[in-house]
Amino acid sequence: LHKTTQNNEWLGILLQRYTLLLFGVCMKYFKNETLA
């Protein structure tokens, strides 16, 4: 949908799904909530 419409809202929805995963990865490496 993003590729065909060029609407970043679709990417926003997709990235929102993985916010906790990304936060967990960052916490694993940085061990600091603000940096994560």
PDB file of all heavy atoms in Angstrom:
ATOM      1  N   LEU A   1       0.833  -1.209   0.000  1.00  0.00           N
ATOM      2  CA  LEU A   1       0.000   0.000   0.000  1.00  0.00           C
ATOM      3  C   LEU A   1       0.865   1.255   0.000  1.00  0.00           C
ATOM      4  O   LEU A   1       0.573   2.227  -0.703  1.00  0.00           O
ATOM      5  CB  LEU A   1      -0.941   0.009   1.209  1.00  0.00           C
ATOM      6  CG  LEU A   1      -2.191  -0.845   1.078  1.00  0.00           C
ATOM      7  CD1 LEU A   1      -2.881  -0.976   2.423  1.00  0.00           C
ATOM      8  CD2 LEU A   1      -3.134  -0.240   0.051  1.00  0.00           C
ATOM      9  N   HIS A   2       1.934   1.235   0.782  1.00  0.00           N
ATOM     10  CA  HIS A   2       2.829   2.388   0.793  1.00  0.00           C
ATOM     11  C   HIS A   2       3.478   2.575  -0.569  1.00  0.00           C
ATOM     12  O   HIS A   2       3.596   3.697  -1.073  1.00  0.00           O
ATOM     13  CB  HIS A   2       3.909   2.251   1.868  1.00  0.00           C
ATOM     14  CG  HIS A   2       4.925   3.330   1.781  1.00  0.00           C
ATOM     15  ND1 HIS A   2       6.139   3.157   1.147  1.00  0.00           N
ATOM     16  CD2 HIS A   2       4.909   4.613   2.197  1.00  0.00           C
ATOM     17  CE1 HIS A   2       6.819   4.285   1.197  1.00  0.00           C
ATOM     18  NE2 HIS A   2       6.090   5.184   1.825  1.00  0.00           N
ATOM     19  N   LYS A   3       3.923   1.476  -1.158  1.00  0.00           N
ATOM     20  CA  LYS A   3       4.604   1.561  -2.449  1.00  0.00           C
ATOM     21  C   LYS A   3       3.674   2.110  -3.530  1.00  0.00           C
ATOM     22  O   LYS A   3       4.096   2.924  -4.357  1.00  0.00           O
ATOM     23  CB  LYS A   3       5.116   0.175  -2.845  1.00  0.00           C
ATOM     24  CG  LYS A   3       6.050   0.176  -4.017  1.00  0.00           C
ATOM     25  CD  LYS A   3       6.630  -1.206  -4.262  1.00  0.00           C
ATOM     26  CE  LYS A   3       7.822  -1.375  -3.352  1.00  0.00           C
ATOM     27  NZ  LYS A   3       8.619  -2.567  -3.638  1.00  0.00           N
ATOM     28  N   THR A   4       2.415   1.711  -3.505  1.00  0.00           N
ATOM     29  CA  THR A   4       1.494   2.160  -4.547  1.00  0.00           C
ATOM     30  C   THR A   4       0.935   3.555  -4.294  1.00  0.00           C
ATOM     31  O   THR A   4       0.677   4.290  -5.243  1.00  0.00           O
ATOM     32  CB  THR A   4       0.322   1.166  -4.730  1.00  0.00           C
ATOM     33  OG1 THR A   4      -0.351   1.003  -3.487  1.00  0.00           O
ATOM     34  CG2 THR A   4       0.816  -0.173  -5.234  1.00  0.00           C
ATOM     35  N   THR A   5       0.739   3.925  -3.026  1.00  0.00           N
ATOM     36  CA  THR A   5       0.131   5.234  -2.732  1.00  0.00           C
ATOM     37  C   THR A   5       1.151   6.300  -2.332  1.00  0.00           C
ATOM     38  O   THR A   5       0.809   7.476  -2.291  1.00  0.00           O
ATOM     39  CB  THR A   5      -0.896   5.120  -1.587  1.00  0.00           C
ATOM     40  OG1 THR A   5      -0.214   4.738  -0.387  1.00  0.00           O
ATOM     41  CG2 THR A   5      -1.984   4.114  -1.927  1.00  0.00           C
ATOM     42  N   GLN A   6       2.371   5.885  -1.962  1.00  0.00           N
ATOM     43  CA  GLN A   6       3.401   6.811  -1.463  1.00  0.00           C
ATOM     44  C   GLN A   6       2.943   7.541  -0.203  1.00  0.00           C
ATOM     45  O   GLN A   6       3.409   8.634   0.096  1.00  0.00           O
ATOM     46  CB  GLN A   6       3.808   7.819  -2.540  1.00  0.00           C
ATOM     47  CG  GLN A   6       4.401   7.199  -3.779  1.00  0.00           C
ATOM     48  CD  GLN A   6       5.670   6.430  -3.497  1.00  0.00           C
ATOM     49  OE1 GLN A   6       6.571   6.931  -2.857  1.00  0.00           O
ATOM     50  NE2 GLN A   6       5.742   5.201  -3.965  1.00  0.00           N
ATOM     51  N   ASN A   7       2.018   6.934   0.534  1.00  0.00           N
ATOM     52  CA  ASN A   7       1.483   7.526   1.757  1.00  0.00           C
ATOM     53  C   ASN A   7       2.241   6.941   2.955  1.00  0.00           C
ATOM     54  O   ASN A   7       2.166   5.733   3.223  1.00  0.00           O
ATOM     55  CB  ASN A   7      -0.022   7.225   1.863  1.00  0.00           C
ATOM     56  CG  ASN A   7      -0.666   7.895   3.051  1.00  0.00           C
ATOM     57  OD1 ASN A   7       0.001   8.384   3.951  1.00  0.00           O
ATOM     58  ND2 ASN A   7      -1.991   7.914   3.048  1.00  0.00           N
ATOM     59  N   ASN A   8       2.957   7.794   3.680  1.00  0.00           N
ATOM     60  CA  ASN A   8       3.749   7.336   4.827  1.00  0.00           C
ATOM     61  C   ASN A   8       2.903   6.870   6.001  1.00  0.00           C
ATOM     62  O   ASN A   8       3.419   6.282   6.943  1.00  0.00           O
ATOM     63  CB  ASN A   8       4.712   8.432   5.287  1.00  0.00           C
ATOM     64  CG  ASN A   8       5.920   8.535   4.394  1.00  0.00           C
ATOM     65  OD1 ASN A   8       6.245   7.617   3.660  1.00  0.00           O
ATOM     66  ND2 ASN A   8       6.592   9.669   4.450  1.00  0.00           N
ATOM     67  N   GLU A   9       1.604   7.122   5.953  1.00  0.00           N
ATOM     68  CA  GLU A   9       0.720   6.652   7.023  1.00  0.00           C
ATOM     69  C   GLU A   9       0.761   5.122   7.108  1.00  0.00           C
ATOM     70  O   GLU A   9       0.719   4.561   8.201  1.00  0.00           O
ATOM     71  CB  GLU A   9      -0.709   7.130   6.774  1.00  0.00           C
ATOM     72  CG  GLU A   9      -1.645   6.809   7.915  1.00  0.00           C
ATOM     73  CD  GLU A   9      -3.030   7.393   7.688  1.00  0.00           C
ATOM     74  OE1 GLU A   9      -3.155   8.415   6.990  1.00  0.00           O
ATOM     75  OE2 GLU A   9      -3.978   6.813   8.227  1.00  0.00           O
ATOM     76  N   TRP A  10       0.867   4.449   5.964  1.00  0.00           N
ATOM     77  CA  TRP A  10       0.945   2.991   5.965  1.00  0.00           C
ATOM     78  C   TRP A  10       2.217   2.518   6.654  1.00  0.00           C
ATOM     79  O   TRP A  10       2.203   1.533   7.398  1.00  0.00           O
ATOM     80  CB  TRP A  10       0.864   2.440   4.548  1.00  0.00           C
ATOM     81  CG  TRP A  10      -0.432   2.769   3.869  1.00  0.00           C
ATOM     82  CD1 TRP A  10      -0.602   3.539   2.757  1.00  0.00           C
ATOM     83  CD2 TRP A  10      -1.744   2.349   4.266  1.00  0.00           C
ATOM     84  NE1 TRP A  10      -1.941   3.635   2.444  1.00  0.00           N
ATOM     85  CE2 TRP A  10      -2.667   2.906   3.351  1.00  0.00           C
ATOM     86  CE3 TRP A  10      -2.240   1.561   5.301  1.00  0.00           C
ATOM     87  CZ2 TRP A  10      -4.034   2.698   3.440  1.00  0.00           C
ATOM     88  CZ3 TRP A  10      -3.604   1.353   5.394  1.00  0.00           C
ATOM     89  CH2 TRP A  10      -4.482   1.912   4.473  1.00  0.00           C
ATOM     90  N   LEU A  11       3.314   3.211   6.423  1.00  0.00           N
ATOM     91  CA  LEU A  11       4.563   2.857   7.112  1.00  0.00           C
ATOM     92  C   LEU A  11       4.459   3.143   8.599  1.00  0.00           C
ATOM     93  O   LEU A  11       5.009   2.402   9.414  1.00  0.00           O
ATOM     94  CB  LEU A  11       5.742   3.635   6.523  1.00  0.00           C
ATOM     95  CG  LEU A  11       6.193   3.222   5.133  1.00  0.00           C
ATOM     96  CD1 LEU A  11       7.388   4.060   4.700  1.00  0.00           C
ATOM     97  CD2 LEU A  11       6.515   1.752   5.066  1.00  0.00           C
ATOM     98  N   GLY A  12       3.768   4.201   8.958  1.00  0.00           N
ATOM     99  CA  GLY A  12       3.564   4.522  10.368  1.00  0.00           C
ATOM    100  C   GLY A  12       2.831   3.411  11.095  1.00  0.00           C
ATOM    101  O   GLY A  12       3.197   3.033  12.212  1.00  0.00           O
ATOM    102  N   ILE A  13       1.809   2.870  10.445  1.00  0.00           N
ATOM    103  CA  ILE A  13       1.058   1.758  11.030  1.00  0.00           C
ATOM    104  C   ILE A  13       1.971   0.549  11.192  1.00  0.00           C
ATOM    105  O   ILE A  13       1.988  -0.117  12.234  1.00  0.00           O
ATOM    106  CB  ILE A  13      -0.161   1.411  10.156  1.00  0.00           C
ATOM    107  CG1 ILE A  13      -1.166   2.563  10.173  1.00  0.00           C
ATOM    108  CG2 ILE A  13      -0.807   0.106  10.609  1.00  0.00           C
ATOM    109  CD1 ILE A  13      -2.217   2.484   9.086  1.00  0.00           C
ATOM    110  N   LEU A  14       2.763   0.284  10.171  1.00  0.00           N
ATOM    111  CA  LEU A  14       3.673  -0.860  10.196  1.00  0.00           C
ATOM    112  C   LEU A  14       4.738  -0.705  11.281  1.00  0.00           C
ATOM    113  O   LEU A  14       4.984  -1.630  12.066  1.00  0.00           O
ATOM    114  CB  LEU A  14       4.330  -1.011   8.820  1.00  0.00           C
ATOM    115  CG  LEU A  14       5.204  -2.216   8.578  1.00  0.00           C
ATOM    116  CD1 LEU A  14       4.450  -3.501   8.854  1.00  0.00           C
ATOM    117  CD2 LEU A  14       5.706  -2.196   7.150  1.00  0.00           C
ATOM    118  N   LEU A  15       5.340   0.453  11.368  1.00  0.00           N
ATOM    119  CA  LEU A  15       6.377   0.681  12.382  1.00  0.00           C
ATOM    120  C   LEU A  15       5.794   0.643  13.788  1.00  0.00           C
ATOM    121  O   LEU A  15       6.448   0.172  14.723  1.00  0.00           O
ATOM    122  CB  LEU A  15       7.082   2.010  12.125  1.00  0.00           C
ATOM    123  CG  LEU A  15       7.984   2.027  10.900  1.00  0.00           C
ATOM    124  CD1 LEU A  15       8.421   3.450  10.580  1.00  0.00           C
ATOM    125  CD2 LEU A  15       9.186   1.130  11.087  1.00  0.00           C
ATOM    126  N   GLN A  16       4.568   1.119  13.940  1.00  0.00           N
ATOM    127  CA  GLN A  16       3.924   1.104  15.246  1.00  0.00           C
ATOM    128  C   GLN A  16       3.780  -0.323  15.776  1.00  0.00           C
ATOM    129  O   GLN A  16       3.895  -0.558  16.971  1.00  0.00           O
ATOM    130  CB  GLN A  16       2.565   1.785  15.161  1.00  0.00           C
ATOM    131  CG  GLN A  16       1.886   1.973  16.489  1.00  0.00           C
ATOM    132  CD  GLN A  16       0.566   2.732  16.339  1.00  0.00           C
ATOM    133  OE1 GLN A  16       0.051   2.905  15.239  1.00  0.00           O
ATOM    134  NE2 GLN A  16       0.032   3.179  17.443  1.00  0.00           N
ATOM    135  N   ARG A  17       3.561  -1.269  14.882  1.00  0.00           N
ATOM    136  CA  ARG A  17       3.452  -2.675  15.280  1.00  0.00           C
ATOM    137  C   ARG A  17       4.724  -3.189  15.956  1.00  0.00           C
ATOM    138  O   ARG A  17       4.673  -4.102  16.770  1.00  0.00           O
ATOM    139  CB  ARG A  17       3.203  -3.556  14.063  1.00  0.00           C
ATOM    140  CG  ARG A  17       1.849  -3.441  13.482  1.00  0.00           C
ATOM    141  CD  ARG A  17       1.691  -4.381  12.320  1.00  0.00           C
ATOM    142  NE  ARG A  17       0.355  -4.241  11.772  1.00  0.00           N
ATOM    143  CZ  ARG A  17      -0.087  -4.909  10.722  1.00  0.00           C
ATOM    144  NH1 ARG A  17       0.697  -5.785  10.118  1.00  0.00           N
ATOM    145  NH2 ARG A  17      -1.305  -4.728  10.290  1.00  0.00           N
ATOM    146  N   TYR A  18       5.854  -2.617  15.575  1.00  0.00           N
ATOM    147  CA  TYR A  18       7.138  -3.134  16.043  1.00  0.00           C
ATOM    148  C   TYR A  18       7.842  -2.218  17.039  1.00  0.00           C
ATOM    149  O   TYR A  18       9.021  -2.404  17.323  1.00  0.00           O
ATOM    150  CB  TYR A  18       8.039  -3.434  14.839  1.00  0.00           C
ATOM    151  CG  TYR A  18       7.470  -4.563  14.022  1.00  0.00           C
ATOM    152  CD1 TYR A  18       6.758  -4.324  12.861  1.00  0.00           C
ATOM    153  CD2 TYR A  18       7.596  -5.871  14.460  1.00  0.00           C
ATOM    154  CE1 TYR A  18       6.206  -5.359  12.137  1.00  0.00           C
ATOM    155  CE2 TYR A  18       7.054  -6.914  13.750  1.00  0.00           C
ATOM    156  CZ  TYR A  18       6.359  -6.654  12.587  1.00  0.00           C
ATOM    157  OH  TYR A  18       5.806  -7.689  11.879  1.00  0.00           O
ATOM    158  N   THR A  19       7.119  -1.263  17.590  1.00  0.00           N
ATOM    159  CA  THR A  19       7.714  -0.329  18.547  1.00  0.00           C
ATOM    160  C   THR A  19       8.298  -1.055  19.752  1.00  0.00           C
ATOM    161  O   THR A  19       9.434  -0.779  20.161  1.00  0.00           O
ATOM    162  CB  THR A  19       6.669   0.709  19.006  1.00  0.00           C
ATOM    163  OG1 THR A  19       6.199   1.418  17.862  1.00  0.00           O
ATOM    164  CG2 THR A  19       7.266   1.695  19.986  1.00  0.00           C
ATOM    165  N   LEU A  20       7.560  -1.990  20.320  1.00  0.00           N
ATOM    166  CA  LEU A  20       8.058  -2.707  21.500  1.00  0.00           C
ATOM    167  C   LEU A  20       9.261  -3.584  21.162  1.00  0.00           C
ATOM    168  O   LEU A  20      10.205  -3.679  21.959  1.00  0.00           O
ATOM    169  CB  LEU A  20       6.954  -3.544  22.141  1.00  0.00           C
ATOM    170  CG  LEU A  20       5.889  -2.746  22.880  1.00  0.00           C
ATOM    171  CD1 LEU A  20       4.800  -3.667  23.410  1.00  0.00           C
ATOM    172  CD2 LEU A  20       6.491  -1.932  24.002  1.00  0.00           C
ATOM    173  N   LEU A  21       9.261  -4.200  19.999  1.00  0.00           N
ATOM    174  CA  LEU A  21      10.415  -4.985  19.572  1.00  0.00           C
ATOM    175  C   LEU A  21      11.650  -4.096  19.468  1.00  0.00           C
ATOM    176  O   LEU A  21      12.719  -4.434  19.993  1.00  0.00           O
ATOM    177  CB  LEU A  21      10.144  -5.652  18.219  1.00  0.00           C
ATOM    178  CG  LEU A  21      11.361  -6.321  17.566  1.00  0.00           C
ATOM    179  CD1 LEU A  21      11.699  -7.622  18.272  1.00  0.00           C
ATOM    180  CD2 LEU A  21      11.111  -6.554  16.090  1.00  0.00           C
ATOM    181  N   LEU A  22      11.490  -2.954  18.832  1.00  0.00           N
ATOM    182  CA  LEU A  22      12.620  -2.035  18.665  1.00  0.00           C
ATOM    183  C   LEU A  22      13.101  -1.511  20.011  1.00  0.00           C
ATOM    184  O   LEU A  22      14.313  -1.415  20.245  1.00  0.00           O
ATOM    185  CB  LEU A  22      12.227  -0.871  17.758  1.00  0.00           C
ATOM    186  CG  LEU A  22      11.854  -1.245  16.329  1.00  0.00           C
ATOM    187  CD1 LEU A  22      11.403  -0.020  15.563  1.00  0.00           C
ATOM    188  CD2 LEU A  22      12.992  -1.946  15.631  1.00  0.00           C
ATOM    189  N   PHE A  23      12.161  -1.184  20.883  1.00  0.00           N
ATOM    190  CA  PHE A  23      12.538  -0.703  22.217  1.00  0.00           C
ATOM    191  C   PHE A  23      13.307  -1.789  22.964  1.00  0.00           C
ATOM    192  O   PHE A  23      14.313  -1.510  23.623  1.00  0.00           O
ATOM    193  CB  PHE A  23      11.295  -0.268  23.000  1.00  0.00           C
ATOM    194  CG  PHE A  23      11.611   0.276  24.357  1.00  0.00           C
ATOM    195  CD1 PHE A  23      12.208   1.514  24.503  1.00  0.00           C
ATOM    196  CD2 PHE A  23      11.326  -0.466  25.493  1.00  0.00           C
ATOM    197  CE1 PHE A  23      12.516   2.005  25.761  1.00  0.00           C
ATOM    198  CE2 PHE A  23      11.624   0.025  26.753  1.00  0.00           C
ATOM    199  CZ  PHE A  23      12.222   1.262  26.890  1.00  0.00           C
ATOM    200  N   GLY A  24      12.855  -3.024  22.857  1.00  0.00           N
ATOM    201  CA  GLY A  24      13.547  -4.133  23.517  1.00  0.00           C
ATOM    202  C   GLY A  24      14.951  -4.336  22.992  1.00  0.00           C
ATOM    203  O   GLY A  24      15.896  -4.566  23.764  1.00  0.00           O
ATOM    204  N   VAL A  25      15.123  -4.236  21.687  1.00  0.00           N
ATOM    205  CA  VAL A  25      16.457  -4.368  21.091  1.00  0.00           C
ATOM    206  C   VAL A  25      17.364  -3.249  21.597  1.00  0.00           C
ATOM    207  O   VAL A  25      18.499  -3.497  22.012  1.00  0.00           O
ATOM    208  CB  VAL A  25      16.382  -4.352  19.541  1.00  0.00           C
ATOM    209  CG1 VAL A  25      17.764  -4.275  18.932  1.00  0.00           C
ATOM    210  CG2 VAL A  25      15.641  -5.585  19.037  1.00  0.00           C
ATOM    211  N   CYS A  26      16.848  -2.027  21.592  1.00  0.00           N
ATOM    212  CA  CYS A  26      17.653  -0.888  22.054  1.00  0.00           C
ATOM    213  C   CYS A  26      17.996  -1.011  23.536  1.00  0.00           C
ATOM    214  O   CYS A  26      19.120  -0.700  23.938  1.00  0.00           O
ATOM    215  CB  CYS A  26      16.918   0.423  21.770  1.00  0.00           C
ATOM    216  SG  CYS A  26      16.820   0.841  20.020  1.00  0.00           S
ATOM    217  N   MET A  27      17.054  -1.479  24.343  1.00  0.00           N
ATOM    218  CA  MET A  27      17.337  -1.669  25.776  1.00  0.00           C
ATOM    219  C   MET A  27      18.412  -2.729  25.982  1.00  0.00           C
ATOM    220  O   MET A  27      19.269  -2.595  26.858  1.00  0.00           O
ATOM    221  CB  MET A  27      16.066  -2.064  26.531  1.00  0.00           C
ATOM    222  CG  MET A  27      15.157  -0.911  26.866  1.00  0.00           C
ATOM    223  SD  MET A  27      15.892   0.326  27.960  1.00  0.00           S
ATOM    224  CE  MET A  27      16.048  -0.605  29.476  1.00  0.00           C
ATOM    225  N   LYS A  28      18.372  -3.775  25.181  1.00  0.00           N
ATOM    226  CA  LYS A  28      19.370  -4.846  25.274  1.00  0.00           C
ATOM    227  C   LYS A  28      20.776  -4.289  25.076  1.00  0.00           C
ATOM    228  O   LYS A  28      21.702  -4.650  25.795  1.00  0.00           O
ATOM    229  CB  LYS A  28      19.069  -5.915  24.224  1.00  0.00           C
ATOM    230  CG  LYS A  28      20.102  -7.015  24.144  1.00  0.00           C
ATOM    231  CD  LYS A  28      19.759  -7.974  23.027  1.00  0.00           C
ATOM    232  CE  LYS A  28      20.889  -8.955  22.812  1.00  0.00           C
ATOM    233  NZ  LYS A  28      20.639  -9.824  21.662  1.00  0.00           N
ATOM    234  N   TYR A  29      20.925  -3.409  24.116  1.00  0.00           N
ATOM    235  CA  TYR A  29      22.250  -2.873  23.799  1.00  0.00           C
ATOM    236  C   TYR A  29      22.632  -1.674  24.664  1.00  0.00           C
ATOM    237  O   TYR A  29      23.774  -1.562  25.098  1.00  0.00           O
ATOM    238  CB  TYR A  29      22.347  -2.503  22.320  1.00  0.00           C
ATOM    239  CG  TYR A  29      22.444  -3.709  21.425  1.00  0.00           C
ATOM    240  CD1 TYR A  29      21.333  -4.213  20.766  1.00  0.00           C
ATOM    241  CD2 TYR A  29      23.657  -4.371  21.263  1.00  0.00           C
ATOM    242  CE1 TYR A  29      21.427  -5.327  19.960  1.00  0.00           C
ATOM    243  CE2 TYR A  29      23.763  -5.487  20.460  1.00  0.00           C
ATOM    244  CZ  TYR A  29      22.647  -5.962  19.818  1.00  0.00           C
ATOM    245  OH  TYR A  29      22.753  -7.082  19.023  1.00  0.00           O
ATOM    246  N   PHE A  30      21.702  -0.752  24.877  1.00  0.00           N
ATOM    247  CA  PHE A  30      22.036   0.491  25.572  1.00  0.00           C
ATOM    248  C   PHE A  30      21.882   0.404  27.079  1.00  0.00           C
ATOM    249  O   PHE A  30      22.515   1.156  27.810  1.00  0.00           O
ATOM    250  CB  PHE A  30      21.168   1.649  25.055  1.00  0.00           C
ATOM    251  CG  PHE A  30      21.373   1.957  23.602  1.00  0.00           C
ATOM    252  CD1 PHE A  30      20.305   2.354  22.821  1.00  0.00           C
ATOM    253  CD2 PHE A  30      22.623   1.875  23.013  1.00  0.00           C
ATOM    254  CE1 PHE A  30      20.476   2.661  21.481  1.00  0.00           C
ATOM    255  CE2 PHE A  30      22.810   2.170  21.673  1.00  0.00           C
ATOM    256  CZ  PHE A  30      21.728   2.557  20.902  1.00  0.00           C
ATOM    257  N   LYS A  31      20.989  -0.448  27.558  1.00  0.00           N
ATOM    258  CA  LYS A  31      20.720  -0.596  28.997  1.00  0.00           C
ATOM    259  C   LYS A  31      20.376   0.747  29.653  1.00  0.00           C
ATOM    260  O   LYS A  31      20.746   1.019  30.780  1.00  0.00           O
ATOM    261  CB  LYS A  31      21.899  -1.265  29.695  1.00  0.00           C
ATOM    262  CG  LYS A  31      22.133  -2.679  29.212  1.00  0.00           C
ATOM    263  CD  LYS A  31      23.343  -3.297  29.831  1.00  0.00           C
ATOM    264  CE  LYS A  31      23.633  -4.696  29.384  1.00  0.00           C
ATOM    265  NZ  LYS A  31      23.321  -5.120  28.067  1.00  0.00           N
ATOM    266  N   ASN A  32      19.673   1.578  28.888  1.00  0.00           N
ATOM    267  CA  ASN A  32      19.283   2.906  29.344  1.00  0.00           C
ATOM    268  C   ASN A  32      17.981   3.266  28.632  1.00  0.00           C
ATOM    269  O   ASN A  32      17.943   3.297  27.402  1.00  0.00           O
ATOM    270  CB  ASN A  32      20.389   3.913  29.006  1.00  0.00           C
ATOM    271  CG  ASN A  32      20.041   5.322  29.400  1.00  0.00           C
ATOM    272  OD1 ASN A  32      19.064   5.885  28.932  1.00  0.00           O
ATOM    273  ND2 ASN A  32      20.867   5.902  30.253  1.00  0.00           N
ATOM    274  N   GLU A  33      16.938   3.548  29.404  1.00  0.00           N
ATOM    275  CA  GLU A  33      15.621   3.788  28.825  1.00  0.00           C
ATOM    276  C   GLU A  33      15.599   5.008  27.902  1.00  0.00           C
ATOM    277  O   GLU A  33      15.004   4.973  26.824  1.00  0.00           O
ATOM    278  CB  GLU A  33      14.587   3.954  29.939  1.00  0.00           C
ATOM    279  CG  GLU A  33      13.173   4.024  29.435  1.00  0.00           C
ATOM    280  CD  GLU A  33      12.142   4.049  30.543  1.00  0.00           C
ATOM    281  OE1 GLU A  33      12.461   3.655  31.687  1.00  0.00           O
ATOM    282  OE2 GLU A  33      11.011   4.473  30.257  1.00  0.00           O
ATOM    283  N   THR A  34      16.239   6.079  28.307  1.00  0.00           N
ATOM    284  CA  THR A  34      16.243   7.292  27.488  1.00  0.00           C
ATOM    285  C   THR A  34      16.955   7.056  26.164  1.00  0.00           C
ATOM    286  O   THR A  34      16.456   7.453  25.102  1.00  0.00           O
ATOM    287  CB  THR A  34      16.914   8.451  28.255  1.00  0.00           C
ATOM    288  OG1 THR A  34      16.220   8.640  29.485  1.00  0.00           O
ATOM    289  CG2 THR A  34      16.877   9.732  27.453  1.00  0.00           C
ATOM    290  N   LEU A  35      18.119   6.417  26.224  1.00  0.00           N
ATOM    291  CA  LEU A  35      18.848   6.107  24.981  1.00  0.00           C
ATOM    292  C   LEU A  35      18.048   5.157  24.105  1.00  0.00           C
ATOM    293  O   LEU A  35      18.061   5.279  22.875  1.00  0.00           O
ATOM    294  CB  LEU A  35      20.216   5.505  25.300  1.00  0.00           C
ATOM    295  CG  LEU A  35      21.239   6.436  25.938  1.00  0.00           C
ATOM    296  CD1 LEU A  35      22.521   5.676  26.276  1.00  0.00           C
ATOM    297  CD2 LEU A  35      21.543   7.606  25.015  1.00  0.00           C
ATOM    298  N   ALA A  36      17.346   4.208  24.721  1.00  0.00           N
ATOM    299  CA  ALA A  36      16.540   3.262  23.956  1.00  0.00           C
ATOM    300  C   ALA A  36      15.390   3.969  23.247  1.00  0.00           C
ATOM    301  O   ALA A  36      15.119   3.706  22.073  1.00  0.00           O
ATOM    302  CB  ALA A  36      16.020   2.160  24.867  1.00  0.00           C
TER     303      ALA A  36
END
